Amino acid sequence: MMADQFPWLTAIVLLPLAASLAIPFMPDKDGKTIRWYALGVAIADFVLMCWVFWTHYDPSISTFQMVEQYSWIPQLGIKWSVSVDGLSLPLVLLAGLVTTLAIFAAWQVDRKPRLFYFLMLLMYSAQIGVFIAQDLMLFFIVWELELIPVYLLISIWGGQNRRYAATKFIIYTAAASVFILIAALAMGFYGGGNLTFDIAELGLKDYPLNLELLLYAGLLIAFGLKLAVFPLHTWLPDAHGEASSPVSMILAGVLLKMGGYGLIRLNLELLPNAHVYFAPILAILGVINIIYGALNSFGESNMKRRLAYSSVSHMGFVLLGIASFTDLGVNGALLQMISHGLIASVLFFLAGVTYDRTHTMSMDEMGDIGKVMPKVFALFTAGAMASIALPGMSGFASELSIFV
């Protein structure tokens, strides 16, 4: 980092974390103060990142920008290393926008509001950290830090089967994280010399093909599970079905995208030789996701589970874009993640509004809802049209880029 450069990225990722630590000590009897405080912090951080990227990021430069590196645990070769490029920047903005909207959507949460908003801000920091981390061990740490708030948010504020859904989520994701840790250690120690987990330096190492294939397979399991790739997707419908709508907004809008980001950042960029062998497998899995998710979505009567299977289908297009191994295809995958993140967040928010009015998620019991809730019905229709990628919608542009 340049001596005269303020560590803006570090400030962006640490602001929600630092703000969350103040919540347990804030005087608040009815939760209103904490609600406004959490929303204010989320808005401030989102505005800050928008201003920082507008004034400090040059879109004409394709390499990493705003690089910040500090020695953290030198004995283990771990650094606090963060930066952004054309892949991570839009996902950071997506995380900021969706989390801010989710905190606003959680305004009616009155059960343990202090803990709820503490976890939301903690998760906010972890999400941003995943997208800007340039040290593989730092990436693993913030990846794990995100799991705990999600587990608690589902298990405490979820539906009737919330503990089952939360336990299934944490078991699946924690088990998959083992593959990230093993891959990080293998790449960091490989080759002798100085121990490093710097992602840019790891990309310069020449791994034997057999090792590269093993590393790729392990990371594919880890990121494929987060991306809800068939057959590792089964946690997602249960989590969405039991989570509160604000948490579902973040699950669909941000957490799924962490899997796609990992596949591009680590599998595609660090292990390109193995990607050549795995690309056909990714393409097949992508097609299965698209068809399987769509068919299961049709068969669901629970609105949130239907949206969850729709997300499974949409992530299939992300896999196809990554499998293409072309600039246009990968850009299409990124656009698909951004598009789906925004659309799914809106749809889950509207599902929450519908539940608050009707007290049911069963679509079989929502007859004539267009007459009862015409504005919500109109917004839902617009969101559904965007979700099926009608021409003129963002989903159409992303899917067209992938198939071209």
Protein backbone atom coordinates (compact mmCIF):
# COMPACT_ATOMS: atom_id res chain seq x y z
CA MET A 1 0.00 0.00 0.00
CA MET A 2 1.26 3.49 -0.82
CA ALA A 3 2.24 5.55 2.19
CA ASP A 4 -0.21 8.32 1.33
CA GLN A 5 -3.14 6.01 0.61
CA PHE A 6 -5.84 5.65 3.23
CA PRO A 7 -6.86 1.99 3.78
CA TRP A 8 -10.36 2.41 2.42
CA LEU A 9 -11.04 -1.28 1.82
CA THR A 10 -9.99 -2.17 5.34
CA ALA A 11 -12.29 0.55 6.65
CA ILE A 12 -15.19 -0.76 4.56
CA VAL A 13 -14.84 -4.32 5.83
CA LEU A 14 -14.15 -3.41 9.47
CA LEU A 15 -16.80 -0.69 9.92
CA PRO A 16 -19.76 -3.09 10.32
CA LEU A 17 -17.66 -5.38 12.52
CA ALA A 18 -16.57 -2.57 14.82
CA ALA A 19 -20.12 -1.18 14.91
CA SER A 20 -21.54 -4.58 15.82
CA LEU A 21 -19.27 -4.80 18.87
CA ALA A 22 -20.94 -1.70 20.31
CA ILE A 23 -24.46 -3.17 20.14
CA PRO A 24 -24.24 -5.29 23.34
CA PHE A 25 -23.43 -2.16 25.34
CA MET A 26 -26.06 0.15 23.87
CA PRO A 27 -28.97 1.16 26.14
CA ASP A 28 -32.20 0.21 24.42
CA LYS A 29 -35.43 -1.05 25.94
CA ASP A 30 -37.69 -1.60 22.93
CA GLY A 31 -35.13 -2.23 20.17
CA LYS A 32 -35.82 0.96 18.21
CA THR A 33 -32.44 2.52 18.89
CA ILE A 34 -30.59 -0.61 17.80
CA ARG A 35 -32.72 -0.90 14.63
CA TRP A 36 -31.89 2.65 13.59
CA TYR A 37 -28.26 2.17 14.58
CA ALA A 38 -27.84 -1.01 12.50
CA LEU A 39 -29.61 0.50 9.50
CA GLY A 40 -27.51 3.66 9.79
CA VAL A 41 -24.28 1.65 9.89
CA ALA A 42 -25.32 -0.43 6.86
CA ILE A 43 -26.28 2.66 4.86
CA ALA A 44 -23.09 4.47 5.87
CA ASP A 45 -20.92 1.54 4.81
CA PHE A 46 -22.74 1.17 1.49
CA VAL A 47 -22.46 4.90 0.77
CA LEU A 48 -18.78 4.78 1.74
CA MET A 49 -18.02 1.91 -0.63
CA CYS A 50 -19.90 3.64 -3.46
CA TRP A 51 -17.90 6.83 -2.93
CA VAL A 52 -14.59 5.02 -2.59
CA PHE A 53 -15.08 2.97 -5.74
CA TRP A 54 -16.31 6.00 -7.68
CA THR A 55 -13.28 8.11 -6.73
CA HIS A 56 -10.50 5.52 -6.44
CA TYR A 57 -11.29 2.70 -8.88
CA ASP A 58 -10.28 2.95 -12.54
CA PRO A 59 -12.48 0.65 -14.69
CA SER A 60 -9.99 0.83 -17.56
CA ILE A 61 -7.42 -1.11 -15.51
CA SER A 62 -7.99 -4.86 -15.44
CA THR A 63 -5.56 -5.69 -12.64
CA PHE A 64 -6.11 -5.49 -8.89
CA GLN A 65 -6.50 -1.98 -7.52
CA MET A 66 -6.51 -0.33 -4.10
CA VAL A 67 -4.13 -3.02 -2.83
CA GLU A 68 -3.67 -3.01 0.95
CA GLN A 69 -1.23 -5.42 2.60
CA TYR A 70 -0.22 -5.68 6.24
CA SER A 71 1.76 -8.34 8.05
CA TRP A 72 -0.67 -10.23 10.29
CA ILE A 73 0.69 -13.62 11.34
CA PRO A 74 4.19 -13.64 9.79
CA GLN A 75 5.15 -16.95 11.42
CA LEU A 76 2.50 -18.66 9.26
CA GLY A 77 2.88 -16.43 6.23
CA ILE A 78 -0.61 -14.97 6.68
CA LYS A 79 -1.19 -11.36 5.67
CA TRP A 80 -4.09 -8.95 5.79
CA SER A 81 -4.22 -8.49 2.04
CA VAL A 82 -7.25 -6.96 0.32
CA SER A 83 -7.95 -5.43 -3.08
CA VAL A 84 -10.64 -5.21 -5.74
CA ASP A 85 -10.89 -5.85 -9.45
CA GLY A 86 -13.67 -6.13 -12.00
CA LEU A 87 -14.81 -9.44 -10.50
CA SER A 88 -14.95 -8.51 -6.83
CA LEU A 89 -16.11 -4.88 -7.00
CA PRO A 90 -19.69 -5.51 -8.25
CA LEU A 91 -20.11 -8.33 -5.73
CA VAL A 92 -19.01 -6.06 -2.88
CA LEU A 93 -21.61 -3.51 -3.99
CA LEU A 94 -24.21 -6.28 -4.25
CA ALA A 95 -23.45 -7.41 -0.70
CA GLY A 96 -23.72 -3.84 0.56
CA LEU A 97 -27.03 -3.15 -1.15
CA VAL A 98 -28.73 -6.46 -0.33
CA THR A 99 -27.63 -6.45 3.31
CA THR A 100 -28.81 -2.87 3.77
CA LEU A 101 -32.20 -3.74 2.28
CA ALA A 102 -32.38 -6.90 4.43
CA ILE A 103 -31.77 -4.90 7.61
CA PHE A 104 -34.53 -2.52 6.56
CA ALA A 105 -36.83 -5.48 5.80
CA ALA A 106 -36.16 -6.84 9.31
CA TRP A 107 -37.71 -3.78 10.94
CA GLN A 108 -40.48 -5.83 12.56
CA VAL A 109 -38.09 -8.25 14.30
CA ASP A 110 -38.85 -7.88 18.00
CA ARG A 111 -37.35 -11.10 19.37
CA LYS A 112 -33.83 -10.49 20.69
CA PRO A 113 -33.23 -7.50 18.40
CA ARG A 114 -29.86 -6.80 19.98
CA LEU A 115 -28.50 -10.22 18.99
CA PHE A 116 -30.24 -10.16 15.60
CA TYR A 117 -28.66 -6.91 14.41
CA PHE A 118 -25.31 -7.82 15.93
CA LEU A 119 -25.28 -10.95 13.77
CA MET A 120 -26.45 -9.08 10.68
CA LEU A 121 -23.59 -6.57 10.91
CA LEU A 122 -21.07 -9.31 11.67
CA MET A 123 -22.23 -11.23 8.61
CA TYR A 124 -22.02 -8.01 6.57
CA SER A 125 -18.30 -7.66 7.34
CA ALA A 126 -17.61 -11.32 6.60
CA GLN A 127 -19.31 -11.15 3.20
CA ILE A 128 -17.31 -8.13 2.12
CA GLY A 129 -14.14 -9.77 3.41
CA VAL A 130 -14.70 -12.85 1.24
CA PHE A 131 -14.93 -10.76 -1.92
CA ILE A 132 -11.85 -8.59 -1.29
CA ALA A 133 -9.47 -11.03 0.45
CA GLN A 134 -6.26 -11.66 -1.50
CA ASP A 135 -4.66 -13.97 1.05
CA LEU A 136 -6.05 -17.50 0.88
CA MET A 137 -5.96 -18.06 4.65
CA LEU A 138 -7.67 -14.70 5.20
CA PHE A 139 -10.25 -15.82 2.64
CA PHE A 140 -10.80 -19.02 4.62
CA ILE A 141 -11.13 -17.16 7.94
CA VAL A 142 -13.77 -14.69 6.73
CA TRP A 143 -15.51 -17.53 4.85
CA GLU A 144 -15.86 -19.38 8.16
CA LEU A 145 -16.82 -16.21 10.03
CA GLU A 146 -19.86 -15.87 7.79
CA LEU A 147 -21.19 -19.33 8.69
CA ILE A 148 -21.82 -18.71 12.39
CA PRO A 149 -24.18 -15.71 12.01
CA VAL A 150 -26.19 -17.50 9.31
CA TYR A 151 -26.59 -20.57 11.50
CA LEU A 152 -27.81 -18.51 14.45
CA LEU A 153 -30.09 -16.32 12.33
CA ILE A 154 -31.85 -19.42 10.98
CA SER A 155 -31.93 -21.41 14.22
CA ILE A 156 -33.29 -18.55 16.38
CA TRP A 157 -35.53 -16.53 14.04
CA GLY A 158 -36.58 -19.26 11.61
CA GLY A 159 -39.78 -21.26 11.25
CA GLN A 160 -41.05 -24.41 12.90
CA ASN A 161 -38.25 -26.65 11.59
CA ARG A 162 -35.58 -23.99 11.95
CA ARG A 163 -33.16 -26.07 14.01
CA TYR A 164 -33.15 -28.89 11.48
CA ALA A 165 -32.54 -26.46 8.62
CA ALA A 166 -29.83 -24.58 10.52
CA THR A 167 -28.06 -27.77 11.59
CA LYS A 168 -28.15 -29.12 8.04
CA PHE A 169 -26.73 -25.83 6.76
CA ILE A 170 -23.84 -25.73 9.24
CA ILE A 171 -22.94 -29.41 8.78
CA TYR A 172 -22.90 -29.14 4.99
CA THR A 173 -20.98 -25.87 4.82
CA ALA A 174 -18.53 -26.65 7.62
CA ALA A 175 -17.68 -30.00 6.05
CA ALA A 176 -17.15 -28.34 2.68
CA SER A 177 -14.90 -25.71 4.27
CA VAL A 178 -12.43 -28.46 5.15
CA PHE A 179 -11.66 -28.74 1.43
CA ILE A 180 -10.83 -25.02 1.28
CA LEU A 181 -8.46 -25.35 4.23
CA ILE A 182 -6.74 -28.41 2.77
CA ALA A 183 -6.34 -26.69 -0.60
CA ALA A 184 -4.98 -23.53 1.04
CA LEU A 185 -2.39 -25.48 3.02
CA ALA A 186 -1.40 -27.60 0.02
CA MET A 187 -0.90 -24.58 -2.25
CA GLY A 188 0.80 -22.53 0.47
CA PHE A 189 3.36 -25.20 1.34
CA TYR A 190 3.93 -26.51 -2.18
CA GLY A 191 7.26 -25.79 -3.85
CA GLY A 192 9.34 -25.08 -0.78
CA GLY A 193 10.88 -21.67 -0.28
CA ASN A 194 8.92 -18.98 1.50
CA LEU A 195 5.53 -20.01 2.84
CA THR A 196 2.86 -17.84 1.25
CA PHE A 197 -0.90 -17.75 0.92
CA ASP A 198 -0.96 -14.70 -1.34
CA ILE A 199 -3.42 -15.54 -4.11
CA ALA A 200 -1.39 -13.72 -6.78
CA GLU A 201 1.77 -15.62 -5.83
CA LEU A 202 -0.10 -18.93 -5.66
CA GLY A 203 -1.22 -18.35 -9.24
CA LEU A 204 2.42 -18.25 -10.35
CA LYS A 205 3.26 -21.69 -8.96
CA ASP A 206 3.53 -24.62 -11.37
CA TYR A 207 1.57 -27.47 -9.80
CA PRO A 208 1.77 -31.06 -11.09
CA LEU A 209 -1.36 -31.93 -13.03
CA ASN A 210 -2.43 -34.67 -10.60
CA LEU A 211 -2.15 -32.30 -7.64
CA GLU A 212 -3.97 -29.58 -9.55
CA LEU A 213 -6.82 -31.96 -10.37
CA LEU A 214 -7.14 -32.95 -6.71
CA LEU A 215 -7.10 -29.33 -5.56
CA TYR A 216 -9.69 -28.41 -8.18
CA ALA A 217 -11.98 -31.28 -7.17
CA GLY A 218 -11.83 -30.32 -3.49
CA LEU A 219 -12.53 -26.65 -4.16
CA LEU A 220 -15.32 -27.60 -6.56
CA ILE A 221 -17.04 -29.51 -3.75
CA ALA A 222 -16.66 -26.57 -1.35
CA PHE A 223 -17.81 -23.85 -3.72
CA GLY A 224 -20.33 -26.07 -5.47
CA LEU A 225 -22.08 -26.66 -2.17
CA LYS A 226 -22.27 -22.93 -1.49
CA LEU A 227 -23.52 -22.37 -5.05
CA ALA A 228 -26.18 -25.07 -4.52
CA VAL A 229 -24.89 -27.32 -7.31
CA PHE A 230 -26.74 -30.61 -7.72
CA PRO A 231 -26.50 -32.91 -5.75
CA LEU A 232 -25.03 -30.64 -3.03
CA HIS A 233 -28.02 -28.30 -3.08
CA THR A 234 -30.36 -29.93 -0.56
CA TRP A 235 -29.54 -27.53 2.27
CA LEU A 236 -30.83 -24.55 0.30
CA PRO A 237 -34.60 -25.27 0.08
CA ASP A 238 -34.67 -26.20 3.77
CA ALA A 239 -32.74 -23.08 4.78
CA HIS A 240 -34.94 -20.80 2.68
CA GLY A 241 -38.10 -22.53 3.81
CA GLU A 242 -37.33 -21.93 7.49
CA ALA A 243 -35.30 -18.69 7.48
CA SER A 244 -36.98 -15.35 7.98
CA SER A 245 -37.39 -13.31 4.80
CA PRO A 246 -34.55 -10.84 5.56
CA VAL A 247 -32.17 -13.76 6.05
CA SER A 248 -33.46 -15.42 2.86
CA MET A 249 -32.70 -12.19 1.02
CA ILE A 250 -29.06 -12.49 2.05
CA LEU A 251 -28.90 -16.24 1.44
CA ALA A 252 -30.10 -15.85 -2.15
CA GLY A 253 -28.66 -12.42 -2.85
CA VAL A 254 -25.14 -12.80 -1.48
CA LEU A 255 -24.24 -16.20 -0.01
CA LEU A 256 -24.87 -18.18 -3.18
CA LYS A 257 -22.63 -15.76 -5.04
CA MET A 258 -19.73 -16.56 -2.74
CA GLY A 259 -19.64 -20.01 -4.33
CA GLY A 260 -19.57 -18.64 -7.86
CA TYR A 261 -16.90 -16.11 -6.88
CA GLY A 262 -14.74 -18.86 -5.39
CA LEU A 263 -15.00 -20.98 -8.53
CA ILE A 264 -13.82 -18.08 -10.68
CA ARG A 265 -11.19 -16.65 -8.33
CA LEU A 266 -9.56 -19.91 -7.23
CA ASN A 267 -10.57 -22.77 -9.53
CA LEU A 268 -10.48 -20.90 -12.81
CA GLU A 269 -7.65 -18.44 -12.13
CA LEU A 270 -5.30 -20.53 -9.98
CA LEU A 271 -5.90 -23.96 -11.52
CA PRO A 272 -6.47 -23.33 -15.25
CA ASN A 273 -4.94 -26.63 -16.41
CA ALA A 274 -7.35 -28.63 -14.26
CA HIS A 275 -10.22 -26.42 -15.38
CA VAL A 276 -9.77 -27.71 -18.93
CA TYR A 277 -10.53 -31.23 -17.69
CA PHE A 278 -13.37 -30.20 -15.38
CA ALA A 279 -15.10 -27.77 -17.77
CA PRO A 280 -17.28 -30.49 -19.39
CA ILE A 281 -18.31 -31.69 -15.92
CA LEU A 282 -19.25 -28.14 -14.93
CA ALA A 283 -21.29 -27.78 -18.10
CA ILE A 284 -23.18 -31.02 -17.42
CA LEU A 285 -23.82 -30.02 -13.81
CA GLY A 286 -25.00 -26.62 -15.03
CA VAL A 287 -27.57 -28.16 -17.36
CA ILE A 288 -28.75 -30.51 -14.60
CA ASN A 289 -29.11 -27.56 -12.23
CA ILE A 290 -31.17 -25.59 -14.74
CA ILE A 291 -33.59 -28.41 -15.50
CA TYR A 292 -33.74 -30.01 -12.04
CA GLY A 293 -34.22 -26.69 -10.25
CA ALA A 294 -36.94 -25.57 -12.64
CA LEU A 295 -38.90 -28.84 -12.39
CA ASN A 296 -38.73 -28.87 -8.59
CA SER A 297 -39.78 -25.24 -8.50
CA PHE A 298 -42.93 -26.10 -10.44
CA GLY A 299 -43.72 -28.87 -7.97
CA GLU A 300 -43.44 -26.74 -4.82
CA SER A 301 -46.48 -25.11 -3.24
CA ASN A 302 -44.43 -23.32 -0.56
CA MET A 303 -43.55 -19.93 -2.01
CA LYS A 304 -40.08 -19.64 -0.47
CA ARG A 305 -39.11 -23.20 -1.35
CA ARG A 306 -40.26 -22.52 -4.91
CA LEU A 307 -38.01 -19.47 -5.03
CA ALA A 308 -35.17 -21.55 -3.56
CA TYR A 309 -35.39 -24.12 -6.34
CA SER A 310 -35.58 -21.27 -8.81
CA SER A 311 -32.23 -20.10 -7.42
CA VAL A 312 -30.81 -23.59 -7.96
CA SER A 313 -31.87 -23.35 -11.59
CA HIS A 314 -30.36 -19.89 -12.04
CA MET A 315 -27.03 -20.97 -10.58
CA GLY A 316 -26.84 -23.54 -13.37
CA PHE A 317 -26.30 -20.68 -15.81
CA VAL A 318 -23.41 -19.46 -13.65
CA LEU A 319 -21.81 -22.90 -13.96
CA LEU A 320 -22.26 -22.85 -17.74
CA GLY A 321 -20.59 -19.44 -17.96
CA ILE A 322 -17.63 -20.58 -15.89
CA ALA A 323 -17.36 -23.80 -17.89
CA SER A 324 -17.14 -21.84 -21.15
CA PHE A 325 -13.61 -20.67 -20.26
CA THR A 326 -14.19 -17.49 -22.31
CA ASP A 327 -14.22 -13.84 -21.29
CA LEU A 328 -17.78 -13.40 -22.53
CA GLY A 329 -19.00 -16.50 -20.72
CA VAL A 330 -17.34 -15.62 -17.41
CA ASN A 331 -18.63 -12.05 -17.66
CA GLY A 332 -22.07 -13.50 -18.32
CA ALA A 333 -21.73 -15.66 -15.20
CA LEU A 334 -20.82 -12.57 -13.16
CA LEU A 335 -23.76 -10.63 -14.61
CA GLN A 336 -26.03 -13.59 -13.85
CA MET A 337 -24.89 -13.54 -10.22
CA ILE A 338 -25.55 -9.82 -9.92
CA SER A 339 -28.89 -10.05 -11.71
CA HIS A 340 -30.11 -13.00 -9.68
CA GLY A 341 -28.88 -11.42 -6.46
CA LEU A 342 -31.05 -8.36 -7.00
CA ILE A 343 -34.09 -10.19 -8.38
CA ALA A 344 -34.10 -12.96 -5.76
CA SER A 345 -33.72 -10.45 -2.93
CA VAL A 346 -36.76 -8.55 -4.13
CA LEU A 347 -38.81 -11.74 -4.54
CA PHE A 348 -37.95 -13.01 -1.06
CA PHE A 349 -38.79 -9.60 0.38
CA LEU A 350 -42.18 -9.71 -1.34
CA ALA A 351 -42.67 -13.26 -0.08
CA GLY A 352 -42.14 -11.94 3.43
CA VAL A 353 -44.64 -9.14 2.88
CA THR A 354 -47.15 -11.67 1.57
CA TYR A 355 -46.66 -13.90 4.61
CA ASP A 356 -47.15 -10.97 6.98
CA ARG A 357 -50.52 -10.26 5.33
CA THR A 358 -51.77 -13.80 4.70
CA HIS A 359 -49.93 -15.77 7.45
CA THR A 360 -49.20 -18.60 5.02
CA MET A 361 -46.52 -19.57 2.53
CA SER A 362 -48.73 -22.10 0.76
CA MET A 363 -49.54 -20.85 -2.71
CA ASP A 364 -52.57 -23.15 -2.73
CA GLU A 365 -54.12 -20.88 -0.11
CA MET A 366 -53.43 -17.60 -1.91
CA GLY A 367 -56.39 -17.47 -4.24
CA ASP A 368 -57.30 -14.03 -5.61
CA ILE A 369 -54.22 -12.52 -3.99
CA GLY A 370 -54.03 -10.09 -6.89
CA LYS A 371 -57.29 -8.54 -5.70
CA VAL A 372 -56.31 -8.49 -2.04
CA MET A 373 -52.75 -7.19 -2.55
CA PRO A 374 -52.64 -5.63 -6.03
CA LYS A 375 -49.42 -3.64 -5.53
CA VAL A 376 -47.48 -6.59 -4.14
CA PHE A 377 -48.91 -8.80 -6.89
CA ALA A 378 -47.77 -6.33 -9.55
CA LEU A 379 -44.27 -6.15 -8.10
CA PHE A 380 -44.13 -9.93 -7.83
CA THR A 381 -45.17 -10.24 -11.46
CA ALA A 382 -42.43 -7.84 -12.53
CA GLY A 383 -39.88 -9.76 -10.46
CA ALA A 384 -41.02 -13.07 -11.91
CA MET A 385 -40.69 -11.69 -15.44
CA ALA A 386 -37.14 -10.59 -14.66
CA SER A 387 -36.42 -13.99 -13.11
CA ILE A 388 -37.39 -15.87 -16.28
CA ALA A 389 -35.10 -13.56 -18.27
CA LEU A 390 -37.57 -11.86 -20.58
CA PRO A 391 -35.90 -9.66 -23.23
CA GLY A 392 -35.10 -6.26 -21.81
CA MET A 393 -34.47 -7.68 -18.34
CA SER A 394 -31.03 -8.14 -16.77
CA GLY A 395 -31.37 -11.91 -16.72
CA PHE A 396 -31.80 -11.98 -20.49
CA ALA A 397 -28.50 -10.15 -21.06
CA SER A 398 -26.57 -12.46 -18.73
CA GLU A 399 -27.99 -15.69 -20.13
CA LEU A 400 -27.50 -14.50 -23.70
CA SER A 401 -23.83 -13.75 -22.92
CA ILE A 402 -23.40 -17.24 -21.48
CA PHE A 403 -24.93 -19.04 -24.45
CA VAL A 404 -23.17 -16.92 -27.05
